[in-house]
Amino acid sequence: MNLYICGDMMEKKSDHIFSYPPNLQELDLATLVNLYRERGEILKARAGNYVACAITKKLLKEAKSWFGLFYSQGAWDSLLTKSSDGYPLTEAEMNALGLVYSNRNEPPHREFVEKNIGVLPKLAYLIINDIKQFGFIKEDENGFLMIAPSGEKALQGIAKHMYGKPFTEEMLISFQQAHDVEVQPKGKRKSAARQKDADQTSLF
């Protein structure tokens, strides 16, 4: 797949990164937290059993876990992006880092970032806490976020991996959603807004 730009919309060059399952809203908080905390842990198959790598499809005696999927070490490493320091970044983390980076002159509040990275609020909360603990971002006493040098490098790494170029604001899901609203006829905007409200309601 080649990178190209059509109007203001930017197409991805690669989707070969970690991604969260699309139906996480079906999980209770305790289960979600457990799955999130267990990502990257080594699972050893029971005696006489195997697990299969989600990428190579090869049977393995042990593999790294990711929300019910399993990866060989080589497959796992292939999903890591440059300058991530081994952190399994997804598009949600890219959006979080990108929002903080784009607003570095006027640091955004964490609530704003959590609402605009394209995942469930409870998952967004975990993500912000995790990338802060890892040292990619910093949070002041009032909840405003600033990007650290390591976070900026990680952001550029995943942006180049996904889009083949350095990070720009057009890569953010919030930018793309705003663009969608702008190009829709007025009648369709109301319909889209009602659908979005319905989708949000179904998450809880």
N, C-alpha and C. Protein backbone atom coordinates (compact mmCIF):
# COMPACT_ATOMS: atom_id res chain seq x y z
N MET A 1 0.84 -1.18 0.00
CA MET A 1 0.00 0.00 0.00
C MET A 1 0.89 1.24 0.00
N ASN A 2 0.67 2.18 -0.89
CA ASN A 2 1.47 3.38 -0.98
C ASN A 2 0.77 4.54 -0.31
N LEU A 3 1.56 5.48 0.19
CA LEU A 3 1.03 6.66 0.83
C LEU A 3 0.56 7.63 -0.23
N TYR A 4 -0.64 8.17 -0.06
CA TYR A 4 -1.08 9.25 -0.93
C TYR A 4 -2.05 10.13 -0.16
N ILE A 5 -2.19 11.35 -0.60
CA ILE A 5 -3.05 12.31 0.07
C ILE A 5 -4.13 12.74 -0.90
N CYS A 6 -5.37 12.64 -0.47
CA CYS A 6 -6.51 13.03 -1.28
C CYS A 6 -7.23 14.15 -0.55
N GLY A 7 -7.15 15.39 -1.08
CA GLY A 7 -7.72 16.51 -0.36
C GLY A 7 -6.95 16.70 0.92
N ASP A 8 -7.69 16.71 2.05
CA ASP A 8 -7.05 16.86 3.35
C ASP A 8 -6.86 15.52 4.05
N MET A 9 -7.33 14.43 3.42
CA MET A 9 -7.27 13.14 4.09
C MET A 9 -5.99 12.40 3.74
N MET A 10 -5.38 11.83 4.75
CA MET A 10 -4.12 11.14 4.56
C MET A 10 -4.32 9.64 4.72
N GLU A 11 -3.80 8.88 3.78
CA GLU A 11 -3.96 7.43 3.81
C GLU A 11 -2.77 6.79 4.51
N LYS A 12 -3.04 5.70 5.19
CA LYS A 12 -1.98 4.98 5.90
C LYS A 12 -1.11 4.20 4.94
N LYS A 13 0.15 4.08 5.28
CA LYS A 13 1.09 3.28 4.52
C LYS A 13 1.13 1.86 5.05
N SER A 14 0.91 1.70 6.38
CA SER A 14 0.98 0.39 6.99
C SER A 14 0.07 0.30 8.21
N ASP A 15 -0.60 -0.84 8.36
CA ASP A 15 -1.40 -1.14 9.54
C ASP A 15 -0.72 -2.20 10.40
N HIS A 16 0.55 -2.46 10.14
CA HIS A 16 1.28 -3.50 10.86
C HIS A 16 1.76 -2.97 12.20
N ILE A 17 0.80 -2.73 13.09
CA ILE A 17 1.09 -2.28 14.45
C ILE A 17 0.11 -3.00 15.38
N PHE A 18 0.30 -2.83 16.67
CA PHE A 18 -0.64 -3.38 17.63
C PHE A 18 -1.96 -2.62 17.52
N SER A 19 -3.07 -3.30 17.81
CA SER A 19 -4.37 -2.63 17.82
C SER A 19 -5.26 -3.26 18.88
N TYR A 20 -6.13 -2.45 19.45
CA TYR A 20 -7.05 -2.93 20.48
C TYR A 20 -8.27 -3.57 19.82
N PRO A 21 -8.82 -4.65 20.41
CA PRO A 21 -10.02 -5.27 19.85
C PRO A 21 -11.16 -4.26 19.77
N PRO A 22 -11.99 -4.36 18.72
CA PRO A 22 -13.06 -3.36 18.52
C PRO A 22 -14.24 -3.51 19.47
N ASN A 23 -14.34 -4.61 20.21
CA ASN A 23 -15.51 -4.83 21.07
C ASN A 23 -15.17 -4.80 22.56
N LEU A 24 -14.21 -3.97 22.93
CA LEU A 24 -13.81 -3.89 24.33
C LEU A 24 -14.94 -3.38 25.22
N GLN A 25 -15.93 -2.70 24.64
CA GLN A 25 -17.05 -2.19 25.43
C GLN A 25 -17.85 -3.32 26.08
N GLU A 26 -17.67 -4.54 25.60
CA GLU A 26 -18.39 -5.67 26.17
C GLU A 26 -17.77 -6.17 27.49
N LEU A 27 -16.58 -5.69 27.80
CA LEU A 27 -15.88 -6.15 29.00
C LEU A 27 -16.19 -5.28 30.20
N ASP A 28 -16.22 -5.90 31.38
CA ASP A 28 -16.31 -5.09 32.59
C ASP A 28 -14.93 -4.50 32.87
N LEU A 29 -14.88 -3.53 33.76
CA LEU A 29 -13.64 -2.80 34.01
C LEU A 29 -12.53 -3.71 34.51
N ALA A 30 -12.85 -4.62 35.42
CA ALA A 30 -11.82 -5.50 35.99
C ALA A 30 -11.18 -6.36 34.91
N THR A 31 -12.00 -6.90 34.00
CA THR A 31 -11.47 -7.74 32.92
C THR A 31 -10.61 -6.92 31.98
N LEU A 32 -11.08 -5.71 31.64
CA LEU A 32 -10.31 -4.83 30.75
C LEU A 32 -8.95 -4.51 31.36
N VAL A 33 -8.94 -4.17 32.63
CA VAL A 33 -7.68 -3.82 33.30
C VAL A 33 -6.73 -5.02 33.30
N ASN A 34 -7.25 -6.20 33.58
CA ASN A 34 -6.41 -7.40 33.59
C ASN A 34 -5.80 -7.66 32.23
N LEU A 35 -6.61 -7.59 31.18
CA LEU A 35 -6.10 -7.82 29.83
C LEU A 35 -5.06 -6.77 29.45
N TYR A 36 -5.31 -5.53 29.85
CA TYR A 36 -4.37 -4.45 29.54
C TYR A 36 -3.04 -4.66 30.25
N ARG A 37 -3.11 -5.04 31.50
CA ARG A 37 -1.89 -5.23 32.27
C ARG A 37 -1.11 -6.48 31.84
N GLU A 38 -1.79 -7.45 31.27
CA GLU A 38 -1.14 -8.71 30.87
C GLU A 38 -0.54 -8.66 29.47
N ARG A 39 -0.74 -7.56 28.74
CA ARG A 39 -0.21 -7.51 27.37
C ARG A 39 1.32 -7.60 27.42
N GLY A 40 1.86 -8.43 26.57
CA GLY A 40 3.31 -8.61 26.53
C GLY A 40 3.83 -9.70 27.44
N GLU A 41 2.98 -10.24 28.32
CA GLU A 41 3.44 -11.31 29.19
C GLU A 41 3.60 -12.61 28.42
N ILE A 42 4.53 -13.44 28.86
CA ILE A 42 4.78 -14.73 28.21
C ILE A 42 3.75 -15.76 28.69
N LEU A 43 3.06 -16.37 27.73
CA LEU A 43 2.14 -17.45 28.05
C LEU A 43 2.77 -18.77 27.64
N LYS A 44 2.84 -19.70 28.56
CA LYS A 44 3.35 -21.03 28.25
C LYS A 44 2.18 -21.99 28.10
N ALA A 45 2.13 -22.69 26.98
CA ALA A 45 1.03 -23.62 26.73
C ALA A 45 1.10 -24.79 27.70
N ARG A 46 -0.06 -25.33 28.03
CA ARG A 46 -0.11 -26.49 28.91
C ARG A 46 0.56 -27.69 28.23
N ALA A 47 0.98 -28.65 29.01
CA ALA A 47 1.64 -29.85 28.48
C ALA A 47 0.76 -30.50 27.40
N GLY A 48 1.35 -30.75 26.27
CA GLY A 48 0.63 -31.37 25.17
C GLY A 48 -0.17 -30.41 24.32
N ASN A 49 -0.17 -29.11 24.67
CA ASN A 49 -0.92 -28.11 23.92
C ASN A 49 0.02 -27.08 23.30
N TYR A 50 -0.53 -26.31 22.38
CA TYR A 50 0.22 -25.25 21.72
C TYR A 50 -0.67 -24.01 21.59
N VAL A 51 -0.01 -22.89 21.36
CA VAL A 51 -0.72 -21.68 20.95
C VAL A 51 -0.19 -21.31 19.57
N ALA A 52 -0.95 -20.53 18.82
CA ALA A 52 -0.53 -20.17 17.47
C ALA A 52 -0.23 -18.68 17.39
N CYS A 53 0.80 -18.33 16.63
CA CYS A 53 1.16 -16.92 16.42
C CYS A 53 0.14 -16.28 15.48
N ALA A 54 -0.37 -15.12 15.86
CA ALA A 54 -1.39 -14.44 15.06
C ALA A 54 -0.87 -13.98 13.71
N ILE A 55 0.44 -13.85 13.56
CA ILE A 55 1.01 -13.39 12.29
C ILE A 55 1.55 -14.54 11.46
N THR A 56 2.42 -15.37 12.05
CA THR A 56 3.04 -16.45 11.28
C THR A 56 2.15 -17.70 11.20
N LYS A 57 1.18 -17.79 12.12
CA LYS A 57 0.27 -18.95 12.23
C LYS A 57 1.00 -20.22 12.71
N LYS A 58 2.27 -20.10 13.07
CA LYS A 58 3.01 -21.27 13.54
C LYS A 58 2.63 -21.61 14.97
N LEU A 59 2.64 -22.91 15.28
CA LEU A 59 2.35 -23.37 16.63
C LEU A 59 3.56 -23.13 17.53
N LEU A 60 3.27 -22.71 18.75
CA LEU A 60 4.33 -22.35 19.69
C LEU A 60 4.05 -22.94 21.06
N LYS A 61 5.12 -23.24 21.79
CA LYS A 61 4.99 -23.69 23.17
C LYS A 61 4.82 -22.51 24.12
N GLU A 62 5.34 -21.36 23.73
CA GLU A 62 5.14 -20.15 24.51
C GLU A 62 5.14 -18.95 23.58
N ALA A 63 4.41 -17.91 23.98
CA ALA A 63 4.28 -16.73 23.14
C ALA A 63 3.88 -15.54 23.99
N LYS A 64 4.00 -14.35 23.43
CA LYS A 64 3.59 -13.14 24.12
C LYS A 64 2.11 -12.89 23.84
N SER A 65 1.39 -12.49 24.88
CA SER A 65 -0.07 -12.32 24.75
C SER A 65 -0.44 -10.86 24.52
N TRP A 66 -1.54 -10.71 23.79
CA TRP A 66 -2.09 -9.37 23.51
C TRP A 66 -3.61 -9.50 23.36
N PHE A 67 -4.36 -9.24 24.40
CA PHE A 67 -5.82 -9.25 24.36
C PHE A 67 -6.36 -10.51 23.67
N GLY A 68 -5.87 -11.65 24.09
CA GLY A 68 -6.36 -12.91 23.54
C GLY A 68 -5.62 -13.39 22.31
N LEU A 69 -4.78 -12.57 21.73
CA LEU A 69 -3.93 -12.98 20.61
C LEU A 69 -2.55 -13.34 21.15
N PHE A 70 -1.82 -14.14 20.36
CA PHE A 70 -0.49 -14.57 20.78
C PHE A 70 0.52 -14.34 19.66
N TYR A 71 1.72 -13.95 20.05
CA TYR A 71 2.77 -13.63 19.07
C TYR A 71 4.09 -14.27 19.47
N SER A 72 4.79 -14.77 18.49
CA SER A 72 6.17 -15.19 18.73
C SER A 72 6.99 -13.94 19.03
N GLN A 73 8.17 -14.11 19.59
CA GLN A 73 9.00 -12.95 19.91
C GLN A 73 9.31 -12.15 18.65
N GLY A 74 9.61 -12.85 17.55
CA GLY A 74 9.93 -12.16 16.30
C GLY A 74 8.74 -11.37 15.77
N ALA A 75 7.54 -11.97 15.83
CA ALA A 75 6.34 -11.28 15.36
C ALA A 75 6.04 -10.08 16.24
N TRP A 76 6.21 -10.25 17.55
CA TRP A 76 6.00 -9.13 18.48
C TRP A 76 6.93 -7.98 18.15
N ASP A 77 8.20 -8.30 17.96
CA ASP A 77 9.19 -7.26 17.66
C ASP A 77 8.87 -6.53 16.36
N SER A 78 8.29 -7.27 15.39
CA SER A 78 7.96 -6.64 14.10
C SER A 78 6.84 -5.62 14.22
N LEU A 79 6.03 -5.71 15.29
CA LEU A 79 4.93 -4.78 15.52
C LEU A 79 5.37 -3.55 16.31
N LEU A 80 6.53 -3.61 16.94
CA LEU A 80 7.04 -2.47 17.68
C LEU A 80 7.53 -1.40 16.70
N THR A 81 7.31 -0.15 17.04
CA THR A 81 7.72 0.94 16.16
C THR A 81 9.00 1.59 16.66
N LYS A 82 9.69 2.28 15.78
CA LYS A 82 10.98 2.87 16.10
C LYS A 82 10.86 3.87 17.25
N SER A 83 11.84 3.82 18.12
CA SER A 83 11.96 4.74 19.27
C SER A 83 10.87 4.55 20.32
N SER A 84 10.17 3.40 20.28
CA SER A 84 9.15 3.13 21.29
C SER A 84 9.75 2.54 22.56
N ASP A 85 11.04 2.21 22.52
CA ASP A 85 11.73 1.60 23.67
C ASP A 85 11.03 0.34 24.15
N GLY A 86 10.45 -0.41 23.21
CA GLY A 86 9.80 -1.67 23.53
C GLY A 86 8.35 -1.53 23.95
N TYR A 87 7.83 -0.30 24.01
CA TYR A 87 6.44 -0.09 24.39
C TYR A 87 5.53 -0.43 23.20
N PRO A 88 4.49 -1.26 23.40
CA PRO A 88 3.61 -1.64 22.29
C PRO A 88 2.61 -0.54 21.94
N LEU A 89 3.02 0.38 21.11
CA LEU A 89 2.17 1.51 20.73
C LEU A 89 1.08 1.10 19.74
N THR A 90 -0.11 1.65 19.93
CA THR A 90 -1.20 1.49 18.98
C THR A 90 -1.54 2.86 18.42
N GLU A 91 -2.55 2.91 17.56
CA GLU A 91 -2.98 4.19 17.02
C GLU A 91 -3.54 5.10 18.12
N ALA A 92 -4.10 4.51 19.17
CA ALA A 92 -4.62 5.31 20.28
C ALA A 92 -3.50 6.06 20.98
N GLU A 93 -2.38 5.38 21.23
CA GLU A 93 -1.23 6.05 21.85
C GLU A 93 -0.67 7.12 20.92
N MET A 94 -0.67 6.85 19.61
CA MET A 94 -0.22 7.87 18.67
C MET A 94 -1.09 9.11 18.76
N ASN A 95 -2.41 8.90 18.88
CA ASN A 95 -3.31 10.04 19.00
C ASN A 95 -3.08 10.80 20.31
N ALA A 96 -2.84 10.06 21.40
CA ALA A 96 -2.58 10.72 22.68
C ALA A 96 -1.30 11.56 22.61
N LEU A 97 -0.24 10.94 22.15
CA LEU A 97 1.03 11.67 22.03
C LEU A 97 0.92 12.82 21.04
N GLY A 98 0.20 12.58 19.94
CA GLY A 98 0.05 13.61 18.92
C GLY A 98 -0.74 14.81 19.40
N LEU A 99 -1.78 14.58 20.18
CA LEU A 99 -2.56 15.69 20.73
C LEU A 99 -1.72 16.53 21.68
N VAL A 100 -0.95 15.86 22.53
CA VAL A 100 -0.10 16.59 23.47
C VAL A 100 0.98 17.37 22.72
N TYR A 101 1.58 16.71 21.72
CA TYR A 101 2.63 17.35 20.93
C TYR A 101 2.09 18.56 20.15
N SER A 102 0.91 18.40 19.55
CA SER A 102 0.33 19.46 18.72
C SER A 102 -0.05 20.68 19.55
N ASN A 103 -0.33 20.47 20.83
CA ASN A 103 -0.76 21.56 21.70
C ASN A 103 0.30 21.90 22.75
N ARG A 104 1.56 21.66 22.41
CA ARG A 104 2.62 21.82 23.42
C ARG A 104 2.79 23.28 23.85
N ASN A 105 2.37 24.25 23.02
CA ASN A 105 2.47 25.66 23.44
C ASN A 105 1.39 26.02 24.46
N GLU A 106 0.25 25.31 24.41
CA GLU A 106 -0.82 25.45 25.38
C GLU A 106 -1.23 24.05 25.81
N PRO A 107 -0.52 23.46 26.77
CA PRO A 107 -0.73 22.05 27.14
C PRO A 107 -2.20 21.71 27.38
N PRO A 108 -2.66 20.61 26.78
CA PRO A 108 -4.06 20.19 26.94
C PRO A 108 -4.27 19.49 28.27
N HIS A 109 -5.50 19.53 28.75
CA HIS A 109 -5.84 18.79 29.97
C HIS A 109 -6.02 17.32 29.63
N ARG A 110 -5.71 16.45 30.57
CA ARG A 110 -5.78 15.01 30.28
C ARG A 110 -7.19 14.58 29.91
N GLU A 111 -8.24 15.23 30.45
CA GLU A 111 -9.60 14.86 30.10
C GLU A 111 -9.88 15.10 28.63
N PHE A 112 -9.36 16.18 28.09
CA PHE A 112 -9.51 16.48 26.67
C PHE A 112 -8.81 15.42 25.83
N VAL A 113 -7.61 15.05 26.23
CA VAL A 113 -6.86 14.04 25.49
C VAL A 113 -7.58 12.69 25.55
N GLU A 114 -8.03 12.31 26.74
CA GLU A 114 -8.72 11.03 26.90
C GLU A 114 -9.95 10.92 26.00
N LYS A 115 -10.64 12.03 25.80
CA LYS A 115 -11.87 12.02 25.01
C LYS A 115 -11.61 12.02 23.51
N ASN A 116 -10.37 12.21 23.09
CA ASN A 116 -10.10 12.41 21.67
C ASN A 116 -9.05 11.47 21.08
N ILE A 117 -8.91 10.26 21.66
CA ILE A 117 -7.93 9.34 21.10
C ILE A 117 -8.58 8.11 20.48
N GLY A 118 -9.92 8.09 20.43
CA GLY A 118 -10.62 7.07 19.67
C GLY A 118 -10.86 5.74 20.35
N VAL A 119 -10.78 5.71 21.70
CA VAL A 119 -11.05 4.47 22.42
C VAL A 119 -12.01 4.75 23.58
N LEU A 120 -12.47 3.68 24.23
CA LEU A 120 -13.35 3.82 25.38
C LEU A 120 -12.72 4.71 26.46
N PRO A 121 -13.53 5.51 27.16
CA PRO A 121 -12.99 6.36 28.23
C PRO A 121 -12.17 5.60 29.26
N LYS A 122 -12.65 4.41 29.66
CA LYS A 122 -11.92 3.66 30.69
C LYS A 122 -10.58 3.15 30.16
N LEU A 123 -10.49 2.84 28.86
CA LEU A 123 -9.22 2.44 28.27
C LEU A 123 -8.32 3.65 28.10
N ALA A 124 -8.90 4.77 27.69
CA ALA A 124 -8.12 6.00 27.51
C ALA A 124 -7.45 6.41 28.83
N TYR A 125 -8.17 6.23 29.93
CA TYR A 125 -7.62 6.56 31.25
C TYR A 125 -6.39 5.70 31.54
N LEU A 126 -6.48 4.40 31.24
CA LEU A 126 -5.36 3.50 31.46
C LEU A 126 -4.17 3.89 30.59
N ILE A 127 -4.45 4.24 29.32
CA ILE A 127 -3.39 4.58 28.38
C ILE A 127 -2.62 5.81 28.85
N ILE A 128 -3.36 6.86 29.25
CA ILE A 128 -2.68 8.08 29.70
C ILE A 128 -1.83 7.81 30.93
N ASN A 129 -2.36 7.05 31.86
CA ASN A 129 -1.57 6.70 33.05
C ASN A 129 -0.31 5.92 32.67
N ASP A 130 -0.45 5.01 31.72
CA ASP A 130 0.65 4.13 31.35
C ASP A 130 1.76 4.87 30.62
N ILE A 131 1.39 5.69 29.63
CA ILE A 131 2.44 6.40 28.88
C ILE A 131 3.08 7.49 29.75
N LYS A 132 2.35 7.94 30.76
CA LYS A 132 2.95 8.88 31.72
C LYS A 132 3.96 8.14 32.60
N GLN A 133 3.57 6.98 33.10
CA GLN A 133 4.47 6.19 33.93
C GLN A 133 5.70 5.76 33.14
N PHE A 134 5.54 5.49 31.85
CA PHE A 134 6.65 5.07 31.01
C PHE A 134 7.60 6.23 30.69
N GLY A 135 7.12 7.46 30.89
CA GLY A 135 7.97 8.63 30.68
C GLY A 135 7.78 9.33 29.36
N PHE A 136 6.73 8.96 28.60
CA PHE A 136 6.49 9.62 27.30
C PHE A 136 5.84 10.99 27.47
N ILE A 137 5.05 11.17 28.52
CA ILE A 137 4.41 12.46 28.79
C ILE A 137 4.58 12.79 30.26
N LYS A 138 4.34 14.05 30.59
CA LYS A 138 4.38 14.51 31.97
C LYS A 138 3.06 15.21 32.27
N GLU A 139 2.62 15.10 33.51
CA GLU A 139 1.36 15.73 33.94
C GLU A 139 1.63 16.64 35.12
N ASP A 140 1.16 17.89 35.05
CA ASP A 140 1.37 18.79 36.19
C ASP A 140 0.28 18.60 37.23
N GLU A 141 0.34 19.36 38.30
CA GLU A 141 -0.58 19.16 39.42
C GLU A 141 -2.03 19.49 39.07
N ASN A 142 -2.23 20.20 37.96
CA ASN A 142 -3.58 20.56 37.53
C ASN A 142 -4.12 19.66 36.42
N GLY A 143 -3.36 18.63 36.05
CA GLY A 143 -3.83 17.69 35.05
C GLY A 143 -3.49 18.04 33.62
N PHE A 144 -2.64 19.05 33.41
CA PHE A 144 -2.24 19.41 32.05
C PHE A 144 -1.03 18.58 31.63
N LEU A 145 -1.02 18.19 30.35
CA LEU A 145 -0.03 17.24 29.86
C LEU A 145 1.00 17.90 28.95
N MET A 146 2.25 17.45 29.09
CA MET A 146 3.35 17.91 28.25
C MET A 146 4.10 16.69 27.73
N ILE A 147 4.58 16.76 26.52
CA ILE A 147 5.29 15.63 25.94
C ILE A 147 6.77 15.68 26.31
N ALA A 148 7.33 14.52 26.62
CA ALA A 148 8.75 14.41 26.94
C ALA A 148 9.53 14.12 25.66
N PRO A 149 10.84 14.35 25.65
CA PRO A 149 11.64 14.05 24.45
C PRO A 149 11.47 12.62 23.97
N SER A 150 11.40 11.66 24.90
CA SER A 150 11.22 10.26 24.51
C SER A 150 9.85 10.04 23.88
N GLY A 151 8.84 10.79 24.36
CA GLY A 151 7.50 10.69 23.79
C GLY A 151 7.44 11.26 22.38
N GLU A 152 8.17 12.34 22.15
CA GLU A 152 8.21 12.92 20.81
C GLU A 152 8.88 11.96 19.83
N LYS A 153 9.95 11.32 20.27
CA LYS A 153 10.62 10.35 19.40
C LYS A 153 9.71 9.16 19.10
N ALA A 154 8.99 8.69 20.12
CA ALA A 154 8.07 7.57 19.92
C ALA A 154 6.95 7.96 18.96
N LEU A 155 6.45 9.19 19.09
CA LEU A 155 5.40 9.69 18.20
C LEU A 155 5.89 9.72 16.76
N GLN A 156 7.07 10.24 16.53
CA GLN A 156 7.61 10.30 15.17
C GLN A 156 7.84 8.90 14.62
N GLY A 157 8.23 7.97 15.49
CA GLY A 157 8.47 6.60 15.04
C GLY A 157 7.21 5.93 14.54
N ILE A 158 6.12 6.04 15.29
CA ILE A 158 4.89 5.38 14.87
C ILE A 158 4.24 6.12 13.70
N ALA A 159 4.39 7.45 13.65
CA ALA A 159 3.85 8.22 12.52
C ALA A 159 4.54 7.81 11.21
N LYS A 160 5.86 7.70 11.25
CA LYS A 160 6.59 7.30 10.04
C LYS A 160 6.27 5.87 9.65
N HIS A 161 6.05 5.01 10.65
CA HIS A 161 5.71 3.61 10.38
C HIS A 161 4.34 3.52 9.70
N MET A 162 3.37 4.28 10.20
CA MET A 162 2.01 4.20 9.70
C MET A 162 1.80 4.99 8.42
N TYR A 163 2.42 6.18 8.34
CA TYR A 163 2.14 7.08 7.22
C TYR A 163 3.33 7.36 6.31
N GLY A 164 4.51 6.87 6.72
CA GLY A 164 5.68 7.08 5.87
C GLY A 164 6.24 8.48 5.91
N LYS A 165 5.85 9.27 6.89
CA LYS A 165 6.34 10.65 6.99
C LYS A 165 6.27 11.11 8.44
N PRO A 166 6.94 12.21 8.80
CA PRO A 166 6.87 12.71 10.17
C PRO A 166 5.44 13.07 10.57
N PHE A 167 5.21 13.11 11.86
CA PHE A 167 3.86 13.39 12.36
C PHE A 167 3.37 14.76 11.93
N THR A 168 2.10 14.80 11.52
CA THR A 168 1.39 16.05 11.28
C THR A 168 0.02 15.95 11.92
N GLU A 169 -0.60 17.07 12.18
CA GLU A 169 -1.90 17.10 12.86
C GLU A 169 -2.99 16.36 12.08
N GLU A 170 -2.81 16.26 10.75
CA GLU A 170 -3.80 15.59 9.92
C GLU A 170 -3.93 14.10 10.24
N MET A 171 -2.95 13.53 10.95
CA MET A 171 -2.99 12.12 11.31
C MET A 171 -3.90 11.84 12.51
N LEU A 172 -4.28 12.87 13.25
CA LEU A 172 -5.09 12.70 14.45
C LEU A 172 -6.52 12.33 14.11
N ILE A 173 -7.10 11.43 14.89
CA ILE A 173 -8.48 11.03 14.66
C ILE A 173 -9.42 12.21 14.88
N SER A 174 -9.09 13.12 15.79
CA SER A 174 -9.93 14.29 16.03
C SER A 174 -9.94 15.20 14.82
N PHE A 175 -8.82 15.31 14.12
CA PHE A 175 -8.75 16.11 12.90
C PHE A 175 -9.59 15.47 11.81
N GLN A 176 -9.47 14.15 11.67
CA GLN A 176 -10.21 13.44 10.64
C GLN A 176 -11.71 13.50 10.88
N GLN A 177 -12.14 13.40 12.15
CA GLN A 177 -13.56 13.48 12.46
C GLN A 177 -14.10 14.87 12.18
N ALA A 178 -13.31 15.89 12.50
CA ALA A 178 -13.73 17.26 12.21
C ALA A 178 -13.86 17.47 10.71
N HIS A 179 -12.93 16.88 9.95
CA HIS A 179 -12.98 16.99 8.49
C HIS A 179 -14.22 16.31 7.94
N ASP A 180 -14.59 15.15 8.50
CA ASP A 180 -15.78 14.43 8.05
C ASP A 180 -17.03 15.29 8.23
N VAL A 181 -17.11 15.99 9.36
CA VAL A 181 -18.27 16.84 9.61
C VAL A 181 -18.32 18.00 8.63
N GLU A 182 -17.15 18.57 8.33
CA GLU A 182 -17.09 19.71 7.43
C GLU A 182 -17.56 19.38 6.02
N VAL A 183 -17.24 18.18 5.54
CA VAL A 183 -17.55 17.84 4.15
C VAL A 183 -18.93 17.24 3.98
N GLN A 184 -19.64 16.90 5.09
CA GLN A 184 -20.96 16.32 4.97
C GLN A 184 -22.01 17.40 4.73
N PRO A 185 -23.03 17.12 3.90
CA PRO A 185 -24.15 18.04 3.75
C PRO A 185 -24.84 18.21 5.11
N LYS A 186 -25.55 19.31 5.32
CA LYS A 186 -26.14 19.62 6.62
C LYS A 186 -27.07 18.52 7.10
N GLY A 187 -27.89 17.98 6.21
CA GLY A 187 -28.82 16.93 6.61
C GLY A 187 -28.11 15.71 7.13
N LYS A 188 -26.99 15.35 6.50
CA LYS A 188 -26.24 14.18 6.90
C LYS A 188 -25.48 14.42 8.19
N ARG A 189 -25.12 15.68 8.46
CA ARG A 189 -24.42 15.98 9.70
C ARG A 189 -25.30 15.65 10.90
N LYS A 190 -26.59 16.00 10.82
CA LYS A 190 -27.49 15.71 11.92
C LYS A 190 -27.64 14.21 12.11
N SER A 191 -27.73 13.49 10.99
CA SER A 191 -27.86 12.04 11.07
C SER A 191 -26.61 11.42 11.69
N ALA A 192 -25.43 11.93 11.27
CA ALA A 192 -24.17 11.41 11.81
C ALA A 192 -24.07 11.70 13.30
N ALA A 193 -24.54 12.89 13.71
CA ALA A 193 -24.49 13.24 15.13
C ALA A 193 -25.38 12.32 15.94
N ARG A 194 -26.59 12.02 15.41
CA ARG A 194 -27.47 11.11 16.11
C ARG A 194 -26.87 9.72 16.21
N GLN A 195 -26.20 9.27 15.13
CA GLN A 195 -25.58 7.96 15.13
C GLN A 195 -24.44 7.90 16.14
N LYS A 196 -23.67 9.01 16.21
CA LYS A 196 -22.56 9.06 17.17
C LYS A 196 -23.08 8.96 18.60
N ASP A 197 -24.19 9.68 18.88
CA ASP A 197 -24.78 9.61 20.21
C ASP A 197 -25.24 8.20 20.53
N ALA A 198 -25.82 7.54 19.52
CA ALA A 198 -26.29 6.16 19.72
C ALA A 198 -25.13 5.23 19.99
N ASP A 199 -24.03 5.44 19.26
CA ASP A 199 -22.84 4.60 19.44
C ASP A 199 -22.27 4.81 20.84
N GLN A 200 -22.22 6.07 21.29
CA GLN A 200 -21.69 6.34 22.61
C GLN A 200 -22.54 5.68 23.69
N THR A 201 -23.86 5.75 23.49
CA THR A 201 -24.76 5.15 24.48
C THR A 201 -24.53 3.65 24.58
N SER A 202 -24.23 3.01 23.45
CA SER A 202 -24.07 1.55 23.45
C SER A 202 -22.81 1.12 24.15
N LEU A 203 -21.90 2.04 24.42
CA LEU A 203 -20.63 1.68 25.07
C LEU A 203 -20.82 1.43 26.56
N PHE A 204 -21.90 1.89 27.13
CA PHE A 204 -22.05 1.82 28.58
C PHE A 204 -23.24 0.95 28.99
